Amino acid sequence: MSERATYFAGKAQSLPFSDGKFDGVFSNGSLHEWTEPERVFNEVYRVLKVGGHFCITDLRRDMNLIVRWFLKANIRPHCCPAKTV
C-alpha cells in the first residue's frame, strides 16, 4: 500500500504549495482560530486546481461578528459552480 497523505507544519496564511496543486482543500474545527481569514481563503483558492472544491467547517457558535459577516459576504452557496479561470 502506498502513502496517501503527507503532513506539513505551517501557517494557513502562507501555504507551502504551488498554485493549482490540489483537487480539494478541507479544514475542520479551526476557522475560529484564524487571525486573518481572508488571507487563508485566498491561499485556499490559490492552491486549488481549476474545478477544485473546498470544505471548511467549524462548530463554534461564539464566532466574532466581523468574521461571521466576512463569511456570509464572501462564501458562495453550494449551488454555484466551482472555481473557474
PDB file of N, CA and C in Angstrom:
ATOM      1  N   MET A   1       0.847  -1.179   0.000  1.00  0.00           N
ATOM      2  CA  MET A   1       0.000   0.000   0.000  1.00  0.00           C
ATOM      3  C   MET A   1       0.892   1.242   0.000  1.00  0.00           C
ATOM      4  N   SER A   2       0.544   2.213  -0.799  1.00  0.00           N
ATOM      5  CA  SER A   2       1.338   3.439  -0.865  1.00  0.00           C
ATOM      6  C   SER A   2       0.811   4.477   0.112  1.00  0.00           C
ATOM      7  N   GLU A   3       1.659   5.427   0.443  1.00  0.00           N
ATOM      8  CA  GLU A   3       1.249   6.543   1.303  1.00  0.00           C
ATOM      9  C   GLU A   3       0.275   7.420   0.538  1.00  0.00           C
ATOM     10  N   ARG A   4      -0.812   7.825   1.196  1.00  0.00           N
ATOM     11  CA  ARG A   4      -1.801   8.674   0.539  1.00  0.00           C
ATOM     12  C   ARG A   4      -1.826  10.072   1.113  1.00  0.00           C
ATOM     13  N   ALA A   5      -1.201  10.283   2.247  1.00  0.00           N
ATOM     14  CA  ALA A   5      -1.226  11.609   2.864  1.00  0.00           C
ATOM     15  C   ALA A   5       0.151  11.944   3.406  1.00  0.00           C
ATOM     16  N   THR A   6       0.482  13.200   3.307  1.00  0.00           N
ATOM     17  CA  THR A   6       1.714  13.715   3.878  1.00  0.00           C
ATOM     18  C   THR A   6       1.344  14.931   4.706  1.00  0.00           C
ATOM     19  N   TYR A   7       1.927  15.067   5.871  1.00  0.00           N
ATOM     20  CA  TYR A   7       1.606  16.173   6.756  1.00  0.00           C
ATOM     21  C   TYR A   7       2.717  17.222   6.726  1.00  0.00           C
ATOM     22  N   PHE A   8       2.320  18.481   6.697  1.00  0.00           N
ATOM     23  CA  PHE A   8       3.240  19.605   6.695  1.00  0.00           C
ATOM     24  C   PHE A   8       2.861  20.549   7.815  1.00  0.00           C
ATOM     25  N   ALA A   9       3.841  21.048   8.515  1.00  0.00           N
ATOM     26  CA  ALA A   9       3.601  22.090   9.517  1.00  0.00           C
ATOM     27  C   ALA A   9       3.752  23.434   8.827  1.00  0.00           C
ATOM     28  N   GLY A  10       2.884  24.343   9.141  1.00  0.00           N
ATOM     29  CA  GLY A  10       2.968  25.656   8.524  1.00  0.00           C
ATOM     30  C   GLY A  10       1.795  26.519   8.921  1.00  0.00           C
ATOM     31  N   LYS A  11       1.689  27.650   8.278  1.00  0.00           N
ATOM     32  CA  LYS A  11       0.608  28.589   8.548  1.00  0.00           C
ATOM     33  C   LYS A  11      -0.331  28.631   7.351  1.00  0.00           C
ATOM     34  N   ALA A  12      -1.624  28.644   7.639  1.00  0.00           N
ATOM     35  CA  ALA A  12      -2.626  28.654   6.569  1.00  0.00           C
ATOM     36  C   ALA A  12      -2.588  29.948   5.766  1.00  0.00           C
ATOM     37  N   GLN A  13      -2.048  31.024   6.339  1.00  0.00           N
ATOM     38  CA  GLN A  13      -1.961  32.302   5.621  1.00  0.00           C
ATOM     39  C   GLN A  13      -0.907  32.270   4.527  1.00  0.00           C
ATOM     40  N   SER A  14      -0.041  31.269   4.553  1.00  0.00           N
ATOM     41  CA  SER A  14       1.050  31.174   3.576  1.00  0.00           C
ATOM     42  C   SER A  14       1.353  29.692   3.340  1.00  0.00           C
ATOM     43  N   LEU A  15       0.514  29.035   2.565  1.00  0.00           N
ATOM     44  CA  LEU A  15       0.664  27.596   2.340  1.00  0.00           C
ATOM     45  C   LEU A  15       1.899  27.292   1.501  1.00  0.00           C
ATOM     46  N   PRO A  16       2.659  26.260   1.882  1.00  0.00           N
ATOM     47  CA  PRO A  16       3.911  25.934   1.186  1.00  0.00           C
ATOM     48  C   PRO A  16       3.708  25.068  -0.049  1.00  0.00           C
ATOM     49  N   PHE A  17       2.741  25.435  -0.904  1.00  0.00           N
ATOM     50  CA  PHE A  17       2.426  24.641  -2.081  1.00  0.00           C
ATOM     51  C   PHE A  17       2.303  25.550  -3.297  1.00  0.00           C
ATOM     52  N   SER A  18       2.504  24.972  -4.472  1.00  0.00           N
ATOM     53  CA  SER A  18       2.411  25.742  -5.707  1.00  0.00           C
ATOM     54  C   SER A  18       0.946  26.006  -6.069  1.00  0.00           C
ATOM     55  N   ASP A  19       0.746  26.966  -6.944  1.00  0.00           N
ATOM     56  CA  ASP A  19      -0.591  27.313  -7.417  1.00  0.00           C
ATOM     57  C   ASP A  19      -1.229  26.107  -8.103  1.00  0.00           C
ATOM     58  N   GLY A  20      -2.528  25.919  -7.880  1.00  0.00           N
ATOM     59  CA  GLY A  20      -3.269  24.878  -8.566  1.00  0.00           C
ATOM     60  C   GLY A  20      -2.826  23.462  -8.277  1.00  0.00           C
ATOM     61  N   LYS A  21      -2.351  23.201  -7.092  1.00  0.00           N
ATOM     62  CA  LYS A  21      -1.798  21.882  -6.757  1.00  0.00           C
ATOM     63  C   LYS A  21      -2.855  20.850  -6.375  1.00  0.00           C
ATOM     64  N   PHE A  22      -3.985  21.275  -5.768  1.00  0.00           N
ATOM     65  CA  PHE A  22      -4.913  20.330  -5.161  1.00  0.00           C
ATOM     66  C   PHE A  22      -6.297  20.321  -5.793  1.00  0.00           C
ATOM     67  N   ASP A  23      -6.904  19.130  -5.790  1.00  0.00           N
ATOM     68  CA  ASP A  23      -8.291  18.977  -6.221  1.00  0.00           C
ATOM     69  C   ASP A  23      -9.251  19.446  -5.134  1.00  0.00           C
ATOM     70  N   GLY A  24      -8.833  19.342  -3.885  1.00  0.00           N
ATOM     71  CA  GLY A  24      -9.700  19.731  -2.783  1.00  0.00           C
ATOM     72  C   GLY A  24      -8.904  20.195  -1.580  1.00  0.00           C
ATOM     73  N   VAL A  25      -9.514  21.080  -0.811  1.00  0.00           N
ATOM     74  CA  VAL A  25      -8.919  21.577   0.431  1.00  0.00           C
ATOM     75  C   VAL A  25      -9.977  21.439   1.520  1.00  0.00           C
ATOM     76  N   PHE A  26      -9.594  20.889   2.663  1.00  0.00           N
ATOM     77  CA  PHE A  26     -10.512  20.652   3.765  1.00  0.00           C
ATOM     78  C   PHE A  26      -9.958  21.216   5.059  1.00  0.00           C
ATOM     79  N   SER A  27     -10.821  21.803   5.853  1.00  0.00           N
ATOM     80  CA  SER A  27     -10.456  22.272   7.189  1.00  0.00           C
ATOM     81  C   SER A  27     -11.653  22.020   8.097  1.00  0.00           C
ATOM     82  N   ASN A  28     -11.399  21.440   9.247  1.00  0.00           N
ATOM     83  CA  ASN A  28     -12.476  21.155  10.187  1.00  0.00           C
ATOM     84  C   ASN A  28     -12.101  21.635  11.577  1.00  0.00           C
ATOM     85  N   GLY A  29     -12.900  22.537  12.116  1.00  0.00           N
ATOM     86  CA  GLY A  29     -12.749  22.940  13.503  1.00  0.00           C
ATOM     87  C   GLY A  29     -11.661  23.949  13.800  1.00  0.00           C
ATOM     88  N   SER A  30     -11.136  24.632  12.787  1.00  0.00           N
ATOM     89  CA  SER A  30     -10.074  25.602  13.067  1.00  0.00           C
ATOM     90  C   SER A  30     -10.413  27.027  12.657  1.00  0.00           C
ATOM     91  N   LEU A  31     -11.482  27.210  11.928  1.00  0.00           N
ATOM     92  CA  LEU A  31     -11.825  28.534  11.404  1.00  0.00           C
ATOM     93  C   LEU A  31     -11.845  29.601  12.494  1.00  0.00           C
ATOM     94  N   HIS A  32     -12.357  29.286  13.652  1.00  0.00           N
ATOM     95  CA  HIS A  32     -12.441  30.281  14.733  1.00  0.00           C
ATOM     96  C   HIS A  32     -11.067  30.693  15.265  1.00  0.00           C
ATOM     97  N   GLU A  33     -10.035  29.963  14.919  1.00  0.00           N
ATOM     98  CA  GLU A  33      -8.676  30.285  15.356  1.00  0.00           C
ATOM     99  C   GLU A  33      -7.920  31.157  14.353  1.00  0.00           C
ATOM    100  N   TRP A  34      -8.437  31.307  13.151  1.00  0.00           N
ATOM    101  CA  TRP A  34      -7.742  32.049  12.110  1.00  0.00           C
ATOM    102  C   TRP A  34      -7.724  33.528  12.451  1.00  0.00           C
ATOM    103  N   THR A  35      -6.534  34.111  12.518  1.00  0.00           N
ATOM    104  CA  THR A  35      -6.426  35.537  12.807  1.00  0.00           C
ATOM    105  C   THR A  35      -6.648  36.387  11.555  1.00  0.00           C
ATOM    106  N   GLU A  36      -6.394  35.795  10.383  1.00  0.00           N
ATOM    107  CA  GLU A  36      -6.570  36.506   9.115  1.00  0.00           C
ATOM    108  C   GLU A  36      -7.336  35.611   8.136  1.00  0.00           C
ATOM    109  N   PRO A  37      -8.648  35.442   8.343  1.00  0.00           N
ATOM    110  CA  PRO A  37      -9.402  34.511   7.497  1.00  0.00           C
ATOM    111  C   PRO A  37      -9.366  34.858   6.015  1.00  0.00           C
ATOM    112  N   GLU A  38      -9.331  36.131   5.666  1.00  0.00           N
ATOM    113  CA  GLU A  38      -9.296  36.494   4.250  1.00  0.00           C
ATOM    114  C   GLU A  38      -8.028  35.962   3.587  1.00  0.00           C
ATOM    115  N   ARG A  39      -6.896  36.066   4.262  1.00  0.00           N
ATOM    116  CA  ARG A  39      -5.637  35.539   3.711  1.00  0.00           C
ATOM    117  C   ARG A  39      -5.698  34.021   3.560  1.00  0.00           C
ATOM    118  N   VAL A  40      -6.321  33.354   4.526  1.00  0.00           N
ATOM    119  CA  VAL A  40      -6.436  31.895   4.446  1.00  0.00           C
ATOM    120  C   VAL A  40      -7.295  31.503   3.250  1.00  0.00           C
ATOM    121  N   PHE A  41      -8.445  32.153   3.079  1.00  0.00           N
ATOM    122  CA  PHE A  41      -9.302  31.837   1.939  1.00  0.00           C
ATOM    123  C   PHE A  41      -8.596  32.136   0.622  1.00  0.00           C
ATOM    124  N   ASN A  42      -7.803  33.194   0.562  1.00  0.00           N
ATOM    125  CA  ASN A  42      -7.034  33.488  -0.647  1.00  0.00           C
ATOM    126  C   ASN A  42      -6.025  32.385  -0.946  1.00  0.00           C
ATOM    127  N   GLU A  43      -5.400  31.859   0.086  1.00  0.00           N
ATOM    128  CA  GLU A  43      -4.436  30.769  -0.087  1.00  0.00           C
ATOM    129  C   GLU A  43      -5.140  29.490  -0.542  1.00  0.00           C
ATOM    130  N   VAL A  44      -6.288  29.206   0.055  1.00  0.00           N
ATOM    131  CA  VAL A  44      -7.064  28.030  -0.354  1.00  0.00           C
ATOM    132  C   VAL A  44      -7.386  28.136  -1.842  1.00  0.00           C
ATOM    133  N   TYR A  45      -7.865  29.285  -2.258  1.00  0.00           N
ATOM    134  CA  TYR A  45      -8.197  29.496  -3.668  1.00  0.00           C
ATOM    135  C   TYR A  45      -6.956  29.333  -4.550  1.00  0.00           C
ATOM    136  N   ARG A  46      -5.844  29.865  -4.104  1.00  0.00           N
ATOM    137  CA  ARG A  46      -4.599  29.815  -4.886  1.00  0.00           C
ATOM    138  C   ARG A  46      -4.137  28.383  -5.136  1.00  0.00           C
ATOM    139  N   VAL A  47      -4.213  27.521  -4.122  1.00  0.00           N
ATOM    140  CA  VAL A  47      -3.683  26.159  -4.262  1.00  0.00           C
ATOM    141  C   VAL A  47      -4.670  25.183  -4.902  1.00  0.00           C
ATOM    142  N   LEU A  48      -5.920  25.614  -5.104  1.00  0.00           N
ATOM    143  CA  LEU A  48      -6.898  24.738  -5.760  1.00  0.00           C
ATOM    144  C   LEU A  48      -6.695  24.703  -7.272  1.00  0.00           C
ATOM    145  N   LYS A  49      -6.872  23.520  -7.844  1.00  0.00           N
ATOM    146  CA  LYS A  49      -6.892  23.386  -9.291  1.00  0.00           C
ATOM    147  C   LYS A  49      -8.174  24.000  -9.819  1.00  0.00           C
ATOM    148  N   VAL A  50      -8.192  24.337 -11.102  1.00  0.00           N
ATOM    149  CA  VAL A  50      -9.431  24.780 -11.741  1.00  0.00           C
ATOM    150  C   VAL A  50     -10.442  23.643 -11.587  1.00  0.00           C
ATOM    151  N   GLY A  51     -11.623  23.977 -11.124  1.00  0.00           N
ATOM    152  CA  GLY A  51     -12.646  22.966 -10.870  1.00  0.00           C
ATOM    153  C   GLY A  51     -12.541  22.341  -9.492  1.00  0.00           C
ATOM    154  N   GLY A  52     -11.543  22.769  -8.697  1.00  0.00           N
ATOM    155  CA  GLY A  52     -11.359  22.226  -7.362  1.00  0.00           C
ATOM    156  C   GLY A  52     -12.439  22.681  -6.396  1.00  0.00           C
ATOM    157  N   HIS A  53     -12.548  21.990  -5.276  1.00  0.00           N
ATOM    158  CA  HIS A  53     -13.551  22.297  -4.263  1.00  0.00           C
ATOM    159  C   HIS A  53     -12.886  22.455  -2.904  1.00  0.00           C
ATOM    160  N   PHE A  54     -13.559  23.206  -2.033  1.00  0.00           N
ATOM    161  CA  PHE A  54     -13.078  23.299  -0.659  1.00  0.00           C
ATOM    162  C   PHE A  54     -14.250  23.092   0.290  1.00  0.00           C
ATOM    163  N   CYS A  55     -13.925  22.617   1.492  1.00  0.00           N
ATOM    164  CA  CYS A  55     -14.926  22.408   2.530  1.00  0.00           C
ATOM    165  C   CYS A  55     -14.303  22.876   3.842  1.00  0.00           C
ATOM    166  N   ILE A  56     -14.892  23.911   4.416  1.00  0.00           N
ATOM    167  CA  ILE A  56     -14.384  24.447   5.682  1.00  0.00           C
ATOM    168  C   ILE A  56     -15.541  24.452   6.667  1.00  0.00           C
ATOM    169  N   THR A  57     -15.373  23.733   7.760  1.00  0.00           N
ATOM    170  CA  THR A  57     -16.433  23.636   8.758  1.00  0.00           C
ATOM    171  C   THR A  57     -15.905  24.013  10.128  1.00  0.00           C
ATOM    172  N   ASP A  58     -16.812  24.509  10.952  1.00  0.00           N
ATOM    173  CA  ASP A  58     -16.462  24.862  12.322  1.00  0.00           C
ATOM    174  C   ASP A  58     -17.754  24.911  13.126  1.00  0.00           C
ATOM    175  N   LEU A  59     -17.784  24.299  14.273  1.00  0.00           N
ATOM    176  CA  LEU A  59     -18.994  24.250  15.082  1.00  0.00           C
ATOM    177  C   LEU A  59     -19.060  25.344  16.136  1.00  0.00           C
ATOM    178  N   ARG A  60     -18.038  26.139  16.225  1.00  0.00           N
ATOM    179  CA  ARG A  60     -18.021  27.171  17.256  1.00  0.00           C
ATOM    180  C   ARG A  60     -19.095  28.211  16.976  1.00  0.00           C
ATOM    181  N   ARG A  61     -19.922  28.503  17.971  1.00  0.00           N
ATOM    182  CA  ARG A  61     -21.055  29.398  17.777  1.00  0.00           C
ATOM    183  C   ARG A  61     -20.784  30.823  18.255  1.00  0.00           C
ATOM    184  N   ASP A  62     -19.749  31.055  19.015  1.00  0.00           N
ATOM    185  CA  ASP A  62     -19.458  32.400  19.509  1.00  0.00           C
ATOM    186  C   ASP A  62     -18.453  33.129  18.611  1.00  0.00           C
ATOM    187  N   MET A  63     -18.558  32.892  17.313  1.00  0.00           N
ATOM    188  CA  MET A  63     -17.651  33.479  16.341  1.00  0.00           C
ATOM    189  C   MET A  63     -17.737  35.007  16.363  1.00  0.00           C
ATOM    190  N   ASN A  64     -16.615  35.637  16.201  1.00  0.00           N
ATOM    191  CA  ASN A  64     -16.525  37.088  16.101  1.00  0.00           C
ATOM    192  C   ASN A  64     -17.485  37.575  15.015  1.00  0.00           C
ATOM    193  N   LEU A  65     -18.245  38.621  15.289  1.00  0.00           N
ATOM    194  CA  LEU A  65     -19.234  39.124  14.337  1.00  0.00           C
ATOM    195  C   LEU A  65     -18.613  39.580  13.015  1.00  0.00           C
ATOM    196  N   ILE A  66     -17.403  40.118  13.069  1.00  0.00           N
ATOM    197  CA  ILE A  66     -16.729  40.536  11.833  1.00  0.00           C
ATOM    198  C   ILE A  66     -16.416  39.316  10.970  1.00  0.00           C
ATOM    199  N   VAL A  67     -15.921  38.247  11.591  1.00  0.00           N
ATOM    200  CA  VAL A  67     -15.621  37.025  10.844  1.00  0.00           C
ATOM    201  C   VAL A  67     -16.913  36.436  10.285  1.00  0.00           C
ATOM    202  N   ARG A  68     -17.970  36.406  11.079  1.00  0.00           N
ATOM    203  CA  ARG A  68     -19.249  35.887  10.613  1.00  0.00           C
ATOM    204  C   ARG A  68     -19.745  36.685   9.406  1.00  0.00           C
ATOM    205  N   TRP A  69     -19.657  38.010   9.470  1.00  0.00           N
ATOM    206  CA  TRP A  69     -20.065  38.846   8.355  1.00  0.00           C
ATOM    207  C   TRP A  69     -19.224  38.540   7.119  1.00  0.00           C
ATOM    208  N   PHE A  70     -17.905  38.440   7.321  1.00  0.00           N
ATOM    209  CA  PHE A  70     -16.998  38.150   6.206  1.00  0.00           C
ATOM    210  C   PHE A  70     -17.402  36.865   5.499  1.00  0.00           C
ATOM    211  N   LEU A  71     -17.682  35.816   6.268  1.00  0.00           N
ATOM    212  CA  LEU A  71     -18.046  34.541   5.673  1.00  0.00           C
ATOM    213  C   LEU A  71     -19.343  34.644   4.887  1.00  0.00           C
ATOM    214  N   LYS A  72     -20.340  35.272   5.473  1.00  0.00           N
ATOM    215  CA  LYS A  72     -21.617  35.399   4.774  1.00  0.00           C
ATOM    216  C   LYS A  72     -21.476  36.227   3.499  1.00  0.00           C
ATOM    217  N   ALA A  73     -20.620  37.239   3.530  1.00  0.00           N
ATOM    218  CA  ALA A  73     -20.450  38.117   2.374  1.00  0.00           C
ATOM    219  C   ALA A  73     -19.601  37.491   1.269  1.00  0.00           C
ATOM    220  N   ASN A  74     -18.734  36.529   1.606  1.00  0.00           N
ATOM    221  CA  ASN A  74     -17.757  36.044   0.637  1.00  0.00           C
ATOM    222  C   ASN A  74     -17.846  34.573   0.258  1.00  0.00           C
ATOM    223  N   ILE A  75     -18.709  33.819   0.873  1.00  0.00           N
ATOM    224  CA  ILE A  75     -18.817  32.402   0.544  1.00  0.00           C
ATOM    225  C   ILE A  75     -20.037  32.190  -0.329  1.00  0.00           C
ATOM    226  N   ARG A  76     -19.828  31.596  -1.477  1.00  0.00           N
ATOM    227  CA  ARG A  76     -20.951  31.362  -2.367  1.00  0.00           C
ATOM    228  C   ARG A  76     -21.711  30.107  -1.942  1.00  0.00           C
ATOM    229  N   PRO A  77     -23.002  30.065  -2.205  1.00  0.00           N
ATOM    230  CA  PRO A  77     -23.795  28.882  -1.848  1.00  0.00           C
ATOM    231  C   PRO A  77     -23.316  27.635  -2.579  1.00  0.00           C
ATOM    232  N   HIS A  78     -23.641  26.498  -2.057  1.00  0.00           N
ATOM    233  CA  HIS A  78     -23.240  25.209  -2.619  1.00  0.00           C
ATOM    234  C   HIS A  78     -23.702  25.041  -4.068  1.00  0.00           C
ATOM    235  N   CYS A  79     -24.771  25.689  -4.447  1.00  0.00           N
ATOM    236  CA  CYS A  79     -25.338  25.519  -5.785  1.00  0.00           C
ATOM    237  C   CYS A  79     -24.496  26.163  -6.880  1.00  0.00           C
ATOM    238  N   CYS A  80     -23.562  27.014  -6.513  1.00  0.00           N
ATOM    239  CA  CYS A  80     -22.785  27.747  -7.522  1.00  0.00           C
ATOM    240  C   CYS A  80     -21.667  26.889  -8.083  1.00  0.00           C
ATOM    241  N   PRO A  81     -21.206  27.183  -9.303  1.00  0.00           N
ATOM    242  CA  PRO A  81     -20.142  26.382  -9.919  1.00  0.00           C
ATOM    243  C   PRO A  81     -18.814  26.512  -9.164  1.00  0.00           C
ATOM    244  N   ALA A  82     -17.963  25.537  -9.380  1.00  0.00           N
ATOM    245  CA  ALA A  82     -16.630  25.533  -8.775  1.00  0.00           C
ATOM    246  C   ALA A  82     -15.765  26.602  -9.402  1.00  0.00           C
ATOM    247  N   LYS A  83     -14.554  26.713  -8.922  1.00  0.00           N
ATOM    248  CA  LYS A  83     -13.586  27.699  -9.396  1.00  0.00           C
ATOM    249  C   LYS A  83     -13.395  27.616 -10.904  1.00  0.00           C
ATOM    250  N   THR A  84     -13.400  28.756 -11.546  1.00  0.00           N
ATOM    251  CA  THR A  84     -13.123  28.810 -12.988  1.00  0.00           C
ATOM    252  C   THR A  84     -12.092  29.902 -13.244  1.00  0.00           C
ATOM    253  N   VAL A  85     -11.394  29.766 -14.338  1.00  0.00           N
ATOM    254  CA  VAL A  85     -10.393  30.767 -14.721  1.00  0.00           C
ATOM    255  C   VAL A  85     -10.759  31.345 -16.058  1.00  0.00           C
TER     256      VAL A  85
END
